[in-house]
Protein backbone atom coordinates (compact mmCIF):
# COMPACT_ATOMS: atom_id res chain seq x y z
CA PRO A 1 5.53 -15.79 12.41
CA VAL A 2 5.02 -19.46 13.18
CA ASN A 3 7.92 -19.45 15.61
CA LYS A 4 8.41 -16.47 17.95
CA LEU A 5 12.16 -16.83 17.61
CA ALA A 6 12.12 -16.82 13.80
CA PRO A 7 11.72 -13.46 12.05
CA ALA A 8 8.60 -12.92 9.97
CA VAL A 9 9.12 -13.10 6.23
CA GLU A 10 8.36 -9.76 4.69
CA ARG A 11 6.10 -9.82 1.63
CA SER A 12 7.04 -7.92 -1.51
CA GLY A 13 5.15 -4.90 -2.76
CA LYS A 14 3.85 -6.97 -5.66
CA GLN A 15 2.56 -9.66 -3.28
CA ILE A 16 0.77 -7.08 -1.12
CA VAL A 17 -0.79 -5.42 -4.15
CA GLN A 18 -2.00 -8.73 -5.55
CA LEU A 19 -3.29 -9.84 -2.15
CA GLN A 20 -5.19 -6.69 -1.17
CA CYS A 21 -4.51 -3.41 -2.90
CA ALA A 22 -5.61 -4.44 -6.39
CA GLN A 23 -9.19 -4.82 -5.15
CA CYS A 24 -9.54 -1.05 -5.35
CA HIS A 25 -6.42 0.22 -7.10
CA GLN A 26 -6.79 -1.98 -10.19
CA SER A 27 -9.97 -0.24 -11.33
CA GLY A 28 -9.80 2.97 -9.28
CA VAL A 29 -12.71 2.23 -6.91
CA ASN A 30 -13.80 5.35 -4.99
CA GLY A 31 -11.08 7.45 -6.63
CA ALA A 32 -8.17 5.19 -5.65
CA PRO A 33 -5.17 5.92 -7.88
CA ARG A 34 -4.87 3.11 -10.39
CA ILE A 35 -1.88 0.81 -10.40
CA GLY A 36 0.75 2.23 -12.75
CA ASP A 37 -0.99 5.60 -13.26
CA ARG A 38 2.09 7.72 -12.67
CA GLY A 39 0.18 10.99 -12.95
CA ALA A 40 -2.32 10.05 -10.25
CA TRP A 41 0.42 8.71 -7.99
CA ALA A 42 2.59 11.80 -8.55
CA LEU A 43 -0.16 13.92 -7.00
CA ARG A 44 -0.24 11.66 -3.94
CA LEU A 45 3.54 11.63 -3.65
CA GLU A 46 4.00 15.42 -3.82
CA LEU A 47 4.62 15.51 -0.07
CA GLY A 48 7.00 12.56 -0.32
CA LEU A 49 6.81 8.80 -0.06
CA GLU A 50 6.78 8.80 3.75
CA ALA A 51 3.70 11.06 3.80
CA ALA A 52 1.91 8.60 1.50
CA VAL A 53 2.99 5.70 3.72
CA ARG A 54 1.64 7.48 6.83
CA SER A 55 -1.63 8.14 5.01
CA ALA A 56 -1.95 4.44 4.13
CA ILE A 57 -1.06 3.39 7.67
CA HIS A 58 -3.79 5.56 9.17
CA GLY A 59 -6.33 5.21 6.36
CA HIS A 60 -7.40 7.77 3.82
CA GLY A 61 -10.96 8.52 2.75
CA PRO A 62 -12.71 5.19 2.12
CA MET A 63 -9.43 3.25 2.46
CA PRO A 64 -9.21 1.66 5.92
CA PRO A 65 -6.00 1.77 7.97
CA ARG A 66 -3.27 -0.43 6.50
CA GLY A 67 -5.50 -1.06 3.51
CA GLY A 68 -7.66 -3.38 5.58
CA LEU A 69 -4.81 -5.77 6.43
CA ALA A 70 -3.87 -5.14 10.05
CA ASP A 71 -0.74 -7.31 9.79
CA LEU A 72 0.93 -5.19 7.09
CA THR A 73 4.22 -3.76 8.25
CA ASP A 74 5.17 -0.19 7.47
CA SER A 75 7.85 -1.40 5.06
CA GLU A 76 5.35 -3.67 3.27
CA ILE A 77 3.02 -0.70 2.83
CA ARG A 78 5.93 1.35 1.50
CA ALA A 79 6.82 -1.42 -0.96
CA ALA A 80 3.21 -1.68 -2.15
CA ILE A 81 2.99 2.07 -2.78
CA VAL A 82 6.27 2.03 -4.72
CA PHE A 83 5.06 -0.95 -6.75
CA MET A 84 1.70 0.68 -7.59
CA SER A 85 3.22 4.06 -8.44
CA ASN A 86 5.65 2.53 -10.90
């Protein structure tokens, strides 16, 4: 945030995906589940959304922690996963 007293504005899942996630998830780089591929995302969500969020927070395979954007909040990551899986 610009002002420490003002709350940060949370970005939408779509904004996060367009900003960062699409670099790999648009084309499926290194086996990343493609945006909108419900079958591929269903496999990753078998253990639940929160398990997928934790995986994204800590990094998974070639994906770095928080998708390479250290300032992503947990809720922004959650929103991005929901956006990509739908």
